[in-house]
Protein backbone atom coordinates (compact mmCIF):
# COMPACT_ATOMS: atom_id res chain seq x y z
CA MET A 1 -8.77 -23.58 -4.69
CA GLN A 2 -6.78 -20.39 -4.19
CA LEU A 3 -4.95 -20.37 -0.84
CA LYS A 4 -6.06 -16.86 0.15
CA ALA A 5 -9.72 -17.68 -0.54
CA LEU A 6 -9.37 -20.82 1.56
CA LEU A 7 -7.54 -19.27 4.52
CA ALA A 8 -8.78 -15.66 4.83
CA PRO A 9 -12.24 -16.61 6.21
CA LEU A 10 -10.66 -18.92 8.81
CA VAL A 11 -8.21 -16.26 9.95
CA ALA A 12 -11.04 -13.67 10.10
CA ARG A 13 -13.20 -16.00 12.25
CA MET A 14 -10.26 -16.20 14.66
CA GLY A 15 -10.30 -12.39 14.98
CA TYR A 16 -7.34 -11.54 12.75
CA GLU A 17 -6.81 -10.07 9.31
CA LEU A 18 -4.93 -12.13 6.76
CA TRP A 19 -2.62 -9.29 5.70
CA GLY A 20 -1.08 -11.37 2.95
CA LEU A 21 0.62 -14.58 2.04
CA GLU A 22 3.68 -15.68 0.17
CA TYR A 23 3.89 -19.06 -1.49
CA ARG A 24 7.16 -20.34 -2.87
CA ALA A 25 7.15 -23.74 -4.49
CA GLY A 26 10.23 -25.74 -5.31
CA LYS A 27 10.48 -29.08 -7.07
CA ARG A 28 10.28 -31.09 -3.85
CA SER A 29 8.97 -28.71 -1.21
CA ALA A 30 7.20 -25.41 -0.68
CA LEU A 31 7.06 -22.53 1.77
CA LEU A 32 3.76 -20.93 2.76
CA ARG A 33 4.21 -17.75 4.79
CA LEU A 34 1.11 -16.04 6.24
CA PHE A 35 1.12 -12.53 7.64
CA ILE A 36 -1.64 -11.85 10.16
CA ASP A 37 -2.58 -8.56 11.76
CA SER A 38 -5.00 -7.11 14.30
CA GLU A 39 -5.64 -3.71 15.83
CA SER A 40 -4.25 -4.93 19.16
CA GLY A 41 -1.08 -6.33 17.58
CA ILE A 42 0.13 -9.90 17.16
CA THR A 43 1.75 -12.12 19.77
CA LEU A 44 3.66 -15.37 19.44
CA ASP A 45 0.62 -17.15 20.92
CA ASP A 46 -1.56 -15.64 18.16
CA CYS A 47 0.81 -16.97 15.50
CA THR A 48 0.90 -20.40 17.13
CA GLU A 49 -2.90 -20.67 17.29
CA VAL A 50 -3.37 -19.51 13.69
CA SER A 51 -0.67 -21.95 12.58
CA ARG A 52 -2.50 -24.85 14.29
CA GLN A 53 -5.85 -23.97 12.73
CA VAL A 54 -4.42 -23.32 9.27
CA SER A 55 -2.45 -26.60 9.38
CA ALA A 56 -5.64 -28.50 10.18
CA VAL A 57 -7.50 -26.92 7.23
CA LEU A 58 -4.58 -27.55 4.87
CA ASP A 59 -4.42 -31.18 6.00
CA VAL A 60 -8.11 -31.66 5.15
CA GLU A 61 -8.26 -29.61 1.93
CA ASP A 62 -4.79 -30.68 0.73
CA PRO A 63 -4.21 -27.78 -1.72
CA ILE A 64 -0.40 -28.14 -1.59
CA ARG A 65 0.75 -31.36 -3.23
CA VAL A 66 4.37 -31.33 -2.00
CA PRO A 67 5.81 -31.25 1.53
CA TYR A 68 5.67 -27.67 2.79
CA THR A 69 6.73 -25.45 5.65
CA LEU A 70 4.12 -23.14 7.16
CA GLU A 71 5.21 -19.88 8.78
CA VAL A 72 2.82 -17.45 10.48
CA SER A 73 3.96 -14.02 11.60
CA SER A 74 3.07 -10.37 12.01
CA PRO A 75 3.78 -8.12 9.02
CA GLY A 76 5.92 -5.95 11.32
CA VAL A 77 7.03 -2.35 10.87
CA ASP A 78 8.61 -2.96 7.45
CA ARG A 79 5.46 -4.74 6.36
CA PRO A 80 5.08 -6.25 2.93
CA LEU A 81 2.32 -4.81 0.77
CA PHE A 82 0.23 -7.16 -1.34
CA GLU A 83 -2.85 -5.27 -2.57
CA ALA A 84 -3.89 -1.87 -3.94
CA ALA A 85 -5.83 -1.04 -0.75
CA GLN A 86 -2.70 -1.61 1.33
CA TYR A 87 -0.68 0.81 -0.81
CA ALA A 88 -3.54 3.35 -0.57
CA ARG A 89 -3.64 2.94 3.22
CA TYR A 90 0.00 4.01 3.44
CA VAL A 91 0.00 7.08 1.16
CA GLY A 92 2.70 9.38 2.50
CA ARG A 93 4.95 6.54 3.70
CA GLN A 94 8.24 5.40 2.23
CA VAL A 95 8.28 2.11 0.35
CA ARG A 96 10.65 -0.11 -1.59
CA VAL A 97 9.25 -1.83 -4.66
CA ARG A 98 10.78 -4.45 -6.94
CA THR A 99 9.05 -5.17 -10.22
CA GLN A 100 8.93 -8.38 -12.25
CA TRP A 101 9.96 -6.51 -15.40
CA PRO A 102 11.52 -3.09 -16.03
CA VAL A 103 9.27 -0.06 -15.63
CA GLY A 104 10.81 3.04 -17.16
CA GLY A 105 14.08 1.15 -17.53
CA GLN A 106 14.41 0.00 -13.93
CA ARG A 107 13.11 -2.68 -11.57
CA ASN A 108 13.91 -1.30 -8.10
CA PHE A 109 12.23 1.78 -6.71
CA SER A 110 12.44 3.56 -3.37
CA GLY A 111 10.16 6.50 -2.68
CA GLU A 112 7.06 7.90 -1.05
CA ILE A 113 3.65 6.54 -1.99
CA VAL A 114 1.70 9.51 -3.35
CA ALA A 115 -1.29 7.68 -4.84
CA ALA A 116 -2.65 4.19 -5.38
CA ASP A 117 -5.61 2.72 -7.22
CA GLU A 118 -6.60 -0.70 -8.54
CA GLN A 119 -4.22 -0.40 -11.51
CA SER A 120 -1.09 1.32 -10.21
CA VAL A 121 0.91 2.90 -7.43
CA THR A 122 2.48 6.31 -7.92
CA LEU A 123 5.73 6.91 -6.07
CA GLN A 124 7.70 10.11 -5.59
CA VAL A 125 11.23 8.99 -6.50
CA GLU A 126 14.01 11.59 -6.32
CA GLY A 127 11.49 14.39 -6.80
CA GLU A 128 9.74 12.81 -9.77
CA PRO A 129 6.44 10.88 -9.85
CA VAL A 130 6.77 7.30 -11.11
CA ARG A 131 3.68 5.25 -11.94
CA VAL A 132 4.21 1.54 -11.30
CA PRO A 133 1.53 -0.86 -12.55
CA LEU A 134 0.36 -3.15 -9.73
CA GLU A 135 0.59 -6.20 -12.00
CA SER A 136 4.31 -5.54 -12.43
CA ILE A 137 5.11 -5.49 -8.69
CA ALA A 138 6.92 -8.60 -7.48
CA ARG A 139 7.50 -7.23 -3.99
CA GLY A 140 6.61 -4.07 -2.10
CA ARG A 141 7.58 -3.27 1.48
CA LEU A 142 7.19 -0.27 3.77
CA VAL A 143 10.41 1.27 4.99
CA GLY A 144 10.29 1.68 8.78
CA ARG A 145 10.83 5.08 10.28
CA LEU A 146 14.10 5.53 12.10
CA ARG A 147 14.23 7.41 15.39
CA ASP A 148 16.10 10.67 15.22
CA ALA A 149 19.60 10.92 16.67
CA GLY A 150 18.23 12.36 19.93
CA GLY A 151 16.25 9.15 20.57
CA GLU A 152 12.93 10.94 20.53
């Protein structure tokens, strides 16, 4: 069973959105990192409770066959982006994207999201639009806004 399909309904019943997950498997261990979100924000207590509930489900369902570490956190200001709808939600924001293979001769992009659909994300990079296929994206992350020098 796919981890997201297993865990998203549980997280939703608890009143949170499963923003995304990262799973990294090694030969002898794995890391499962969940990002949860809610309109009212995420506290350490929220992460702890979700971690307890998710651990219980993983113990019963046993989808990970090696010892693993579970981390639960908020996506934060520089939030990772996992799905087309998330890129579309942040049109107009700056993002950094790393692709699995070269797109137009490069793998790292930094620019403003100008459009997103189920197939691709279009970024404005150094004044030029660059279409990046979603299937090629290994990692995408919003770039937080810095306060101006006056602290306002």
